[in-house]
Amino acid sequence: MPLQKRNTQPLVSFTGSPEEAGFFGIVLSIEECGVPLISILLEAIEATCDHDTEQLIACLQQATITLTDMTSILPRMYRDCSQSFFYHKLRPFLDGTNSLSSVGLPNGVFFEEHNGGQYRKHFGPSNAQSSLFALVDIILGVKHDQECSVKENSGQQSPNYAERKVTEQEMRLYMPRKHREFLAEVERMPHIKDFVRSQPGDVRLNSTYKNCLSALLELRRAHIRMVARYIVIMAKHQQSPMVVKPDSTRGEATAAGTTGTGGTNAMEFLKSVRDSVVQARDL
């Protein structure tokens, strides 16, 4: 039986709430829906190597349908997990350990180890850590800016936040090793975008490729709209009593409130991802 939202339940829960199960269930459903993209896009690369335009068009059309189906799942989040629950109750557990000075942990979380242990800083879960989405971007020729901003504490007792840049490769460290190796191998394969560029007179191929990227773009835009509702708008409201405000200026508190679950600046990161798709589409 395939792994799907309807036949899975979380074994461990931060909150014990069905809304938490709903949140992770939607994430699971989107990834499960996108599984066919792996074989579809690898076949597209093979078609590129064989200069088989008809097969490449067929693969891109299938990929477009799958990406559209993935986008159609995202709005279910509004039904299964409320903005208030996500922002005030679940999100604090997903923030990672990079920016915890506001709760008295400027050096991250202490991990006990055989040699005594040490403080560690880690990112929370983020879309940038998805092996599937990274694969889609690589094969479709979407190149992101190599860096995105995060808020990080200097390690001092006072919340002295500073912007630092996180590379795409750094986020890949959160993927399984075999996934990272696979992505690196795919990056060395022939690029679909280069082949499409070499066929400027093939209107059907070019339009099919752009339609596929448009489907990916709509998925990115739907994600941005969701982040706006679940993080940005919620950050403007009065914070929940369980969220500890840093003893800082109002501007610093607002910046911390709009940080994405992985620790990145939510809207800045997602808009850069969206813009990368637009650039790839505009050959």
C-alpha atoms as a PDB file:
ATOM      1  CA  MET A   1       0.000   0.000   0.000  1.00  0.00           C
ATOM      2  CA  PRO A   2       1.459   3.399  -0.966  1.00  0.00           C
ATOM      3  CA  LEU A   3       2.270   5.950   1.726  1.00  0.00           C
ATOM      4  CA  GLN A   4      -0.629   8.425   1.672  1.00  0.00           C
ATOM      5  CA  LYS A   5      -2.284  10.880   4.041  1.00  0.00           C
ATOM      6  CA  ARG A   6      -5.423   8.786   4.383  1.00  0.00           C
ATOM      7  CA  ASN A   7      -3.553   5.718   5.610  1.00  0.00           C
ATOM      8  CA  THR A   8      -0.888   7.342   7.789  1.00  0.00           C
ATOM      9  CA  GLN A   9      -0.774   8.955  11.219  1.00  0.00           C
ATOM     10  CA  PRO A  10       2.203  10.606  12.950  1.00  0.00           C
ATOM     11  CA  LEU A  11       3.922   8.321  15.466  1.00  0.00           C
ATOM     12  CA  VAL A  12       5.250  11.316  17.396  1.00  0.00           C
ATOM     13  CA  SER A  13       3.444  14.621  17.816  1.00  0.00           C
ATOM     14  CA  PHE A  14       4.578  17.956  19.215  1.00  0.00           C
ATOM     15  CA  THR A  15       1.047  19.024  20.140  1.00  0.00           C
ATOM     16  CA  GLY A  16      -1.168  15.937  19.955  1.00  0.00           C
ATOM     17  CA  SER A  17      -3.584  17.948  17.820  1.00  0.00           C
ATOM     18  CA  PRO A  18      -5.334  16.631  14.709  1.00  0.00           C
ATOM     19  CA  GLU A  19      -4.397  19.948  13.094  1.00  0.00           C
ATOM     20  CA  GLU A  20      -0.732  18.998  13.386  1.00  0.00           C
ATOM     21  CA  ALA A  21      -1.521  15.664  11.742  1.00  0.00           C
ATOM     22  CA  GLY A  22      -3.393  17.627   9.073  1.00  0.00           C
ATOM     23  CA  PHE A  23      -0.398  19.865   8.407  1.00  0.00           C
ATOM     24  CA  PHE A  24       2.057  17.021   7.950  1.00  0.00           C
ATOM     25  CA  GLY A  25      -0.555  15.048   6.035  1.00  0.00           C
ATOM     26  CA  ILE A  26      -0.810  17.769   3.392  1.00  0.00           C
ATOM     27  CA  VAL A  27       2.975  17.933   3.083  1.00  0.00           C
ATOM     28  CA  LEU A  28       3.047  14.153   2.672  1.00  0.00           C
ATOM     29  CA  SER A  29       0.257  14.235   0.089  1.00  0.00           C
ATOM     30  CA  ILE A  30       2.077  16.799  -2.054  1.00  0.00           C
ATOM     31  CA  GLU A  31       5.308  14.803  -2.012  1.00  0.00           C
ATOM     32  CA  GLU A  32       3.417  11.566  -2.726  1.00  0.00           C
ATOM     33  CA  CYS A  33       1.592  13.191  -5.633  1.00  0.00           C
ATOM     34  CA  GLY A  34       4.916  14.344  -7.049  1.00  0.00           C
ATOM     35  CA  VAL A  35       6.612  10.932  -7.013  1.00  0.00           C
ATOM     36  CA  PRO A  36       5.848  10.264 -10.729  1.00  0.00           C
ATOM     37  CA  LEU A  37       7.892  13.352 -11.596  1.00  0.00           C
ATOM     38  CA  ILE A  38      11.080  11.419 -10.854  1.00  0.00           C
ATOM     39  CA  SER A  39      10.628   8.891 -13.646  1.00  0.00           C
ATOM     40  CA  ILE A  40       8.882  11.373 -15.957  1.00  0.00           C
ATOM     41  CA  LEU A  41      11.700  13.905 -15.827  1.00  0.00           C
ATOM     42  CA  LEU A  42      14.432  11.285 -16.078  1.00  0.00           C
ATOM     43  CA  GLU A  43      12.698  10.053 -19.233  1.00  0.00           C
ATOM     44  CA  ALA A  44      12.719  13.661 -20.420  1.00  0.00           C
ATOM     45  CA  ILE A  45      16.494  13.760 -20.003  1.00  0.00           C
ATOM     46  CA  GLU A  46      16.785  10.512 -21.958  1.00  0.00           C
ATOM     47  CA  ALA A  47      14.640  12.006 -24.720  1.00  0.00           C
ATOM     48  CA  THR A  48      16.937  15.030 -24.766  1.00  0.00           C
ATOM     49  CA  CYS A  49      19.984  12.783 -25.181  1.00  0.00           C
ATOM     50  CA  ASP A  50      18.243  10.960 -28.051  1.00  0.00           C
ATOM     51  CA  HIS A  51      17.054  14.219 -29.631  1.00  0.00           C
ATOM     52  CA  ASP A  52      13.559  12.726 -29.435  1.00  0.00           C
ATOM     53  CA  THR A  53      11.440  15.860 -29.472  1.00  0.00           C
ATOM     54  CA  GLU A  54       8.095  14.066 -29.450  1.00  0.00           C
ATOM     55  CA  GLN A  55       9.001  12.020 -26.378  1.00  0.00           C
ATOM     56  CA  LEU A  56      10.340  15.113 -24.620  1.00  0.00           C
ATOM     57  CA  ILE A  57       7.092  16.966 -25.306  1.00  0.00           C
ATOM     58  CA  ALA A  58       5.089  14.025 -23.951  1.00  0.00           C
ATOM     59  CA  CYS A  59       7.192  13.959 -20.769  1.00  0.00           C
ATOM     60  CA  LEU A  60       6.847  17.704 -20.228  1.00  0.00           C
ATOM     61  CA  GLN A  61       3.083  17.453 -20.689  1.00  0.00           C
ATOM     62  CA  GLN A  62       2.902  14.702 -18.064  1.00  0.00           C
ATOM     63  CA  ALA A  63       5.064  16.764 -15.711  1.00  0.00           C
ATOM     64  CA  THR A  64       2.742  19.749 -16.194  1.00  0.00           C
ATOM     65  CA  ILE A  65      -0.270  17.664 -15.200  1.00  0.00           C
ATOM     66  CA  THR A  66       1.502  16.323 -12.112  1.00  0.00           C
ATOM     67  CA  LEU A  67       2.652  19.775 -10.979  1.00  0.00           C
ATOM     68  CA  THR A  68      -0.901  21.072 -11.408  1.00  0.00           C
ATOM     69  CA  ASP A  69      -2.217  18.180  -9.316  1.00  0.00           C
ATOM     70  CA  MET A  70       0.318  19.003  -6.584  1.00  0.00           C
ATOM     71  CA  THR A  71      -0.833  22.622  -6.552  1.00  0.00           C
ATOM     72  CA  SER A  72      -4.464  21.534  -6.184  1.00  0.00           C
ATOM     73  CA  ILE A  73      -3.604  19.763  -2.912  1.00  0.00           C
ATOM     74  CA  LEU A  74      -2.136  22.827  -1.209  1.00  0.00           C
ATOM     75  CA  PRO A  75      -5.437  24.657  -0.467  1.00  0.00           C
ATOM     76  CA  ARG A  76      -6.542  21.713   1.682  1.00  0.00           C
ATOM     77  CA  MET A  77      -4.203  23.129   4.305  1.00  0.00           C
ATOM     78  CA  TYR A  78      -6.763  25.861   5.010  1.00  0.00           C
ATOM     79  CA  ARG A  79      -9.240  23.138   5.949  1.00  0.00           C
ATOM     80  CA  ASP A  80      -6.952  20.829   7.914  1.00  0.00           C
ATOM     81  CA  CYS A  81      -4.710  23.276   9.792  1.00  0.00           C
ATOM     82  CA  SER A  82      -5.732  26.779  10.866  1.00  0.00           C
ATOM     83  CA  GLN A  83      -3.413  29.765  10.629  1.00  0.00           C
ATOM     84  CA  SER A  84      -3.687  30.402  14.358  1.00  0.00           C
ATOM     85  CA  PHE A  85      -2.785  26.829  15.298  1.00  0.00           C
ATOM     86  CA  PHE A  86       0.155  26.708  12.918  1.00  0.00           C
ATOM     87  CA  TYR A  87       1.627  30.064  13.892  1.00  0.00           C
ATOM     88  CA  HIS A  88       1.170  29.948  17.657  1.00  0.00           C
ATOM     89  CA  LYS A  89       1.356  26.249  18.499  1.00  0.00           C
ATOM     90  CA  LEU A  90       3.126  24.246  15.787  1.00  0.00           C
ATOM     91  CA  ARG A  91       5.541  26.688  14.190  1.00  0.00           C
ATOM     92  CA  PRO A  92       7.704  27.221  17.322  1.00  0.00           C
ATOM     93  CA  PHE A  93       8.655  23.545  17.137  1.00  0.00           C
ATOM     94  CA  LEU A  94       9.680  23.897  13.478  1.00  0.00           C
ATOM     95  CA  ASP A  95      11.911  26.944  13.822  1.00  0.00           C
ATOM     96  CA  GLY A  96      15.125  25.001  14.324  1.00  0.00           C
ATOM     97  CA  THR A  97      17.830  26.031  16.782  1.00  0.00           C
ATOM     98  CA  ASN A  98      19.581  28.862  14.941  1.00  0.00           C
ATOM     99  CA  SER A  99      17.778  31.833  16.482  1.00  0.00           C
ATOM    100  CA  LEU A 100      16.773  30.943  20.027  1.00  0.00           C
ATOM    101  CA  SER A 101      18.194  33.841  22.039  1.00  0.00           C
ATOM    102  CA  SER A 102      14.673  35.126  22.622  1.00  0.00           C
ATOM    103  CA  VAL A 103      14.004  31.999  24.710  1.00  0.00           C
ATOM    104  CA  GLY A 104      17.378  31.993  26.462  1.00  0.00           C
ATOM    105  CA  LEU A 105      19.324  29.699  24.105  1.00  0.00           C
ATOM    106  CA  PRO A 106      21.771  31.957  22.226  1.00  0.00           C
ATOM    107  CA  ASN A 107      24.062  29.041  21.390  1.00  0.00           C
ATOM    108  CA  GLY A 108      21.364  26.653  20.232  1.00  0.00           C
ATOM    109  CA  VAL A 109      20.365  23.428  21.990  1.00  0.00           C
ATOM    110  CA  PHE A 110      22.749  21.304  24.066  1.00  0.00           C
ATOM    111  CA  PHE A 111      23.064  17.733  22.805  1.00  0.00           C
ATOM    112  CA  GLU A 112      24.412  15.168  25.267  1.00  0.00           C
ATOM    113  CA  GLU A 113      27.056  12.981  23.630  1.00  0.00           C
ATOM    114  CA  HIS A 114      29.559  10.334  24.715  1.00  0.00           C
ATOM    115  CA  ASN A 115      32.267  12.992  25.126  1.00  0.00           C
ATOM    116  CA  GLY A 116      30.057  15.250  27.209  1.00  0.00           C
ATOM    117  CA  GLY A 117      28.135  17.038  24.495  1.00  0.00           C
ATOM    118  CA  GLN A 118      27.959  20.442  22.883  1.00  0.00           C
ATOM    119  CA  TYR A 119      25.579  23.162  21.785  1.00  0.00           C
ATOM    120  CA  ARG A 120      24.366  22.817  18.213  1.00  0.00           C
ATOM    121  CA  LYS A 121      22.514  25.051  15.783  1.00  0.00           C
ATOM    122  CA  HIS A 122      20.350  23.469  13.125  1.00  0.00           C
ATOM    123  CA  PHE A 123      17.741  24.672  10.663  1.00  0.00           C
ATOM    124  CA  GLY A 124      14.172  23.513  11.013  1.00  0.00           C
ATOM    125  CA  PRO A 125      12.330  21.812   8.131  1.00  0.00           C
ATOM    126  CA  SER A 126      12.110  23.880   4.965  1.00  0.00           C
ATOM    127  CA  ASN A 127      10.942  23.471   1.384  1.00  0.00           C
ATOM    128  CA  ALA A 128      14.564  24.030   0.372  1.00  0.00           C
ATOM    129  CA  GLN A 129      15.370  20.646   1.929  1.00  0.00           C
ATOM    130  CA  SER A 130      12.984  18.709  -0.324  1.00  0.00           C
ATOM    131  CA  SER A 131      14.888  16.308  -2.579  1.00  0.00           C
ATOM    132  CA  LEU A 132      11.902  16.139  -4.934  1.00  0.00           C
ATOM    133  CA  PHE A 133      11.632  19.884  -5.518  1.00  0.00           C
ATOM    134  CA  ALA A 134      15.402  20.158  -5.910  1.00  0.00           C
ATOM    135  CA  LEU A 135      15.250  17.465  -8.600  1.00  0.00           C
ATOM    136  CA  VAL A 136      12.454  19.254 -10.457  1.00  0.00           C
ATOM    137  CA  ASP A 137      14.403  22.514 -10.445  1.00  0.00           C
ATOM    138  CA  ILE A 138      17.604  20.862 -11.670  1.00  0.00           C
ATOM    139  CA  ILE A 139      15.991  19.006 -14.558  1.00  0.00           C
ATOM    140  CA  LEU A 140      13.814  21.919 -15.686  1.00  0.00           C
ATOM    141  CA  GLY A 141      16.786  24.284 -15.597  1.00  0.00           C
ATOM    142  CA  VAL A 142      15.658  26.483 -12.704  1.00  0.00           C
ATOM    143  CA  LYS A 143      18.709  28.075 -11.117  1.00  0.00           C
ATOM    144  CA  HIS A 144      18.233  29.762  -7.767  1.00  0.00           C
ATOM    145  CA  ASP A 145      20.354  32.450  -6.224  1.00  0.00           C
ATOM    146  CA  GLN A 146      22.988  30.536  -4.327  1.00  0.00           C
ATOM    147  CA  GLU A 147      22.134  32.254  -1.059  1.00  0.00           C
ATOM    148  CA  CYS A 148      19.124  33.138   1.041  1.00  0.00           C
ATOM    149  CA  SER A 149      18.985  35.218   4.200  1.00  0.00           C
ATOM    150  CA  VAL A 150      18.495  33.918   7.704  1.00  0.00           C
ATOM    151  CA  LYS A 151      18.355  35.632  11.051  1.00  0.00           C
ATOM    152  CA  GLU A 152      21.123  34.408  13.300  1.00  0.00           C
ATOM    153  CA  ASN A 153      22.139  35.447  16.784  1.00  0.00           C
ATOM    154  CA  SER A 154      25.709  36.474  17.454  1.00  0.00           C
ATOM    155  CA  GLY A 155      25.869  34.241  20.522  1.00  0.00           C
ATOM    156  CA  GLN A 156      25.804  37.134  22.992  1.00  0.00           C
ATOM    157  CA  GLN A 157      23.256  37.313  25.750  1.00  0.00           C
ATOM    158  CA  SER A 158      21.424  40.227  24.183  1.00  0.00           C
ATOM    159  CA  PRO A 159      19.496  39.398  20.985  1.00  0.00           C
ATOM    160  CA  ASN A 160      21.969  40.930  18.548  1.00  0.00           C
ATOM    161  CA  TYR A 161      20.571  39.577  15.277  1.00  0.00           C
ATOM    162  CA  ALA A 162      22.589  39.615  12.073  1.00  0.00           C
ATOM    163  CA  GLU A 163      21.776  38.518   8.556  1.00  0.00           C
ATOM    164  CA  ARG A 164      23.844  35.691   7.185  1.00  0.00           C
ATOM    165  CA  LYS A 165      23.627  33.848   3.903  1.00  0.00           C
ATOM    166  CA  VAL A 166      22.737  30.192   3.574  1.00  0.00           C
ATOM    167  CA  THR A 167      23.691  28.370   0.401  1.00  0.00           C
ATOM    168  CA  GLU A 168      21.558  25.879  -1.460  1.00  0.00           C
ATOM    169  CA  GLN A 169      24.253  23.264  -0.847  1.00  0.00           C
ATOM    170  CA  GLU A 170      24.049  23.863   2.903  1.00  0.00           C
ATOM    171  CA  MET A 171      20.328  23.114   2.868  1.00  0.00           C
ATOM    172  CA  ARG A 172      21.043  19.925   0.926  1.00  0.00           C
ATOM    173  CA  LEU A 173      22.935  18.622   3.946  1.00  0.00           C
ATOM    174  CA  TYR A 174      19.512  18.014   5.497  1.00  0.00           C
ATOM    175  CA  MET A 175      18.600  15.578   2.719  1.00  0.00           C
ATOM    176  CA  PRO A 176      19.490  11.866   2.901  1.00  0.00           C
ATOM    177  CA  ARG A 177      23.031  11.276   1.628  1.00  0.00           C
ATOM    178  CA  LYS A 178      21.862   9.075  -1.252  1.00  0.00           C
ATOM    179  CA  HIS A 179      19.489  11.842  -2.328  1.00  0.00           C
ATOM    180  CA  ARG A 180      22.323  14.388  -2.364  1.00  0.00           C
ATOM    181  CA  GLU A 181      24.477  12.063  -4.433  1.00  0.00           C
ATOM    182  CA  PHE A 182      21.617  11.459  -6.850  1.00  0.00           C
ATOM    183  CA  LEU A 183      21.003  15.192  -7.293  1.00  0.00           C
ATOM    184  CA  ALA A 184      24.707  15.766  -7.933  1.00  0.00           C
ATOM    185  CA  GLU A 185      24.634  13.044 -10.596  1.00  0.00           C
ATOM    186  CA  VAL A 186      21.570  14.554 -12.286  1.00  0.00           C
ATOM    187  CA  GLU A 187      23.276  17.959 -12.353  1.00  0.00           C
ATOM    188  CA  ARG A 188      25.960  16.426 -14.567  1.00  0.00           C
ATOM    189  CA  MET A 189      23.417  15.158 -17.103  1.00  0.00           C
ATOM    190  CA  PRO A 190      22.387  17.033 -20.287  1.00  0.00           C
ATOM    191  CA  HIS A 191      20.029  19.924 -19.600  1.00  0.00           C
ATOM    192  CA  ILE A 192      16.526  20.031 -21.067  1.00  0.00           C
ATOM    193  CA  LYS A 193      16.617  23.812 -21.155  1.00  0.00           C
ATOM    194  CA  ASP A 194      19.750  23.822 -23.322  1.00  0.00           C
ATOM    195  CA  PHE A 195      18.125  21.426 -25.783  1.00  0.00           C
ATOM    196  CA  VAL A 196      14.956  23.537 -25.970  1.00  0.00           C
ATOM    197  CA  ARG A 197      17.073  26.639 -26.560  1.00  0.00           C
ATOM    198  CA  SER A 198      18.792  24.850 -29.434  1.00  0.00           C
ATOM    199  CA  GLN A 199      15.400  24.363 -31.123  1.00  0.00           C
ATOM    200  CA  PRO A 200      14.059  27.949 -31.390  1.00  0.00           C
ATOM    201  CA  GLY A 201      11.966  27.091 -34.436  1.00  0.00           C
ATOM    202  CA  ASP A 202      10.069  24.305 -32.692  1.00  0.00           C
ATOM    203  CA  VAL A 203       7.129  26.313 -31.382  1.00  0.00           C
ATOM    204  CA  ARG A 204       5.380  23.284 -29.891  1.00  0.00           C
ATOM    205  CA  LEU A 205       8.434  22.201 -27.895  1.00  0.00           C
ATOM    206  CA  ASN A 206       9.097  25.700 -26.598  1.00  0.00           C
ATOM    207  CA  SER A 207       5.485  26.308 -25.572  1.00  0.00           C
ATOM    208  CA  THR A 208       5.261  22.907 -23.858  1.00  0.00           C
ATOM    209  CA  TYR A 209       8.436  23.613 -21.890  1.00  0.00           C
ATOM    210  CA  LYS A 210       7.131  27.039 -20.869  1.00  0.00           C
ATOM    211  CA  ASN A 211       3.770  25.551 -19.881  1.00  0.00           C
ATOM    212  CA  CYS A 212       5.566  23.109 -17.607  1.00  0.00           C
ATOM    213  CA  LEU A 213       7.480  25.927 -15.948  1.00  0.00           C
ATOM    214  CA  SER A 214       4.246  27.913 -15.641  1.00  0.00           C
ATOM    215  CA  ALA A 215       2.735  24.990 -13.717  1.00  0.00           C
ATOM    216  CA  LEU A 216       5.753  24.995 -11.399  1.00  0.00           C
ATOM    217  CA  LEU A 217       5.446  28.775 -11.079  1.00  0.00           C
ATOM    218  CA  GLU A 218       1.807  28.486  -9.996  1.00  0.00           C
ATOM    219  CA  LEU A 219       2.833  25.977  -7.322  1.00  0.00           C
ATOM    220  CA  ARG A 220       5.432  28.437  -6.031  1.00  0.00           C
ATOM    221  CA  ARG A 221       2.888  31.274  -6.062  1.00  0.00           C
ATOM    222  CA  ALA A 222       0.340  29.179  -4.177  1.00  0.00           C
ATOM    223  CA  HIS A 223       2.998  28.476  -1.557  1.00  0.00           C
ATOM    224  CA  ILE A 224       3.767  32.193  -1.242  1.00  0.00           C
ATOM    225  CA  ARG A 225       0.079  32.992  -0.744  1.00  0.00           C
ATOM    226  CA  MET A 226      -0.084  30.376   1.989  1.00  0.00           C
ATOM    227  CA  VAL A 227       3.018  31.678   3.766  1.00  0.00           C
ATOM    228  CA  ALA A 228       1.548  35.178   3.625  1.00  0.00           C
ATOM    229  CA  ARG A 229      -1.577  33.961   5.428  1.00  0.00           C
ATOM    230  CA  TYR A 230       0.077  31.579   7.868  1.00  0.00           C
ATOM    231  CA  ILE A 231       3.173  33.594   8.811  1.00  0.00           C
ATOM    232  CA  VAL A 232       3.289  37.184   7.551  1.00  0.00           C
ATOM    233  CA  ILE A 233      -0.280  38.183   8.406  1.00  0.00           C
ATOM    234  CA  MET A 234      -0.209  36.261  11.689  1.00  0.00           C
ATOM    235  CA  ALA A 235       3.028  38.022  12.669  1.00  0.00           C
ATOM    236  CA  LYS A 236       1.186  41.340  12.441  1.00  0.00           C
ATOM    237  CA  HIS A 237      -1.376  40.210  14.983  1.00  0.00           C
ATOM    238  CA  GLN A 238      -0.795  40.168  18.717  1.00  0.00           C
ATOM    239  CA  GLN A 239       1.547  37.323  19.547  1.00  0.00           C
ATOM    240  CA  SER A 240       0.343  34.311  21.518  1.00  0.00           C
ATOM    241  CA  PRO A 241       1.293  34.289  25.230  1.00  0.00           C
ATOM    242  CA  MET A 242       3.380  31.140  24.630  1.00  0.00           C
ATOM    243  CA  VAL A 243       5.611  32.986  22.149  1.00  0.00           C
ATOM    244  CA  VAL A 244       8.332  34.863  24.047  1.00  0.00           C
ATOM    245  CA  LYS A 245       9.176  38.245  22.583  1.00  0.00           C
ATOM    246  CA  PRO A 246      12.855  39.205  22.461  1.00  0.00           C
ATOM    247  CA  ASP A 247      13.881  42.185  24.556  1.00  0.00           C
ATOM    248  CA  SER A 248      14.620  44.242  21.489  1.00  0.00           C
ATOM    249  CA  THR A 249      13.224  46.889  19.231  1.00  0.00           C
ATOM    250  CA  ARG A 250       9.870  46.382  17.579  1.00  0.00           C
ATOM    251  CA  GLY A 251      11.587  45.972  14.208  1.00  0.00           C
ATOM    252  CA  GLU A 252      13.689  43.046  15.434  1.00  0.00           C
ATOM    253  CA  ALA A 253      10.657  41.316  16.881  1.00  0.00           C
ATOM    254  CA  THR A 254       8.787  41.685  13.613  1.00  0.00           C
ATOM    255  CA  ALA A 255      11.718  40.289  11.653  1.00  0.00           C
ATOM    256  CA  ALA A 256      11.872  37.246  13.897  1.00  0.00           C
ATOM    257  CA  GLY A 257       8.131  36.744  13.582  1.00  0.00           C
ATOM    258  CA  THR A 258       8.226  36.479   9.803  1.00  0.00           C
ATOM    259  CA  THR A 259      11.065  33.987   9.664  1.00  0.00           C
ATOM    260  CA  GLY A 260      10.167  30.781   7.832  1.00  0.00           C
ATOM    261  CA  THR A 261      10.017  27.399   9.544  1.00  0.00           C
ATOM    262  CA  GLY A 262      13.515  26.521   8.399  1.00  0.00           C
ATOM    263  CA  GLY A 263      14.966  29.748   9.799  1.00  0.00           C
ATOM    264  CA  THR A 264      15.041  31.589   6.476  1.00  0.00           C
ATOM    265  CA  ASN A 265      13.409  34.935   5.795  1.00  0.00           C
ATOM    266  CA  ALA A 266      10.134  33.461   4.572  1.00  0.00           C
ATOM    267  CA  MET A 267       8.907  35.850   1.892  1.00  0.00           C
ATOM    268  CA  GLU A 268      12.348  36.863   0.655  1.00  0.00           C
ATOM    269  CA  PHE A 269      13.309  33.231   0.110  1.00  0.00           C
ATOM    270  CA  LEU A 270      10.059  32.156  -1.549  1.00  0.00           C
ATOM    271  CA  LYS A 271       9.927  35.169  -3.841  1.00  0.00           C
ATOM    272  CA  SER A 272      13.487  34.496  -4.971  1.00  0.00           C
ATOM    273  CA  VAL A 273      12.481  30.886  -5.732  1.00  0.00           C
ATOM    274  CA  ARG A 274       9.462  32.131  -7.696  1.00  0.00           C
ATOM    275  CA  ASP A 275      11.562  34.630  -9.633  1.00  0.00           C
ATOM    276  CA  SER A 276      14.035  31.886 -10.538  1.00  0.00           C
ATOM    277  CA  VAL A 277      11.222  29.954 -12.220  1.00  0.00           C
ATOM    278  CA  VAL A 278      10.177  33.075 -14.146  1.00  0.00           C
ATOM    279  CA  GLN A 279      13.750  33.552 -15.361  1.00  0.00           C
ATOM    280  CA  ALA A 280      13.972  29.921 -16.496  1.00  0.00           C
ATOM    281  CA  ARG A 281      10.665  30.205 -18.352  1.00  0.00           C
ATOM    282  CA  ASP A 282      11.753  33.336 -20.196  1.00  0.00           C
ATOM    283  CA  LEU A 283      14.310  31.658 -22.433  1.00  0.00           C
END
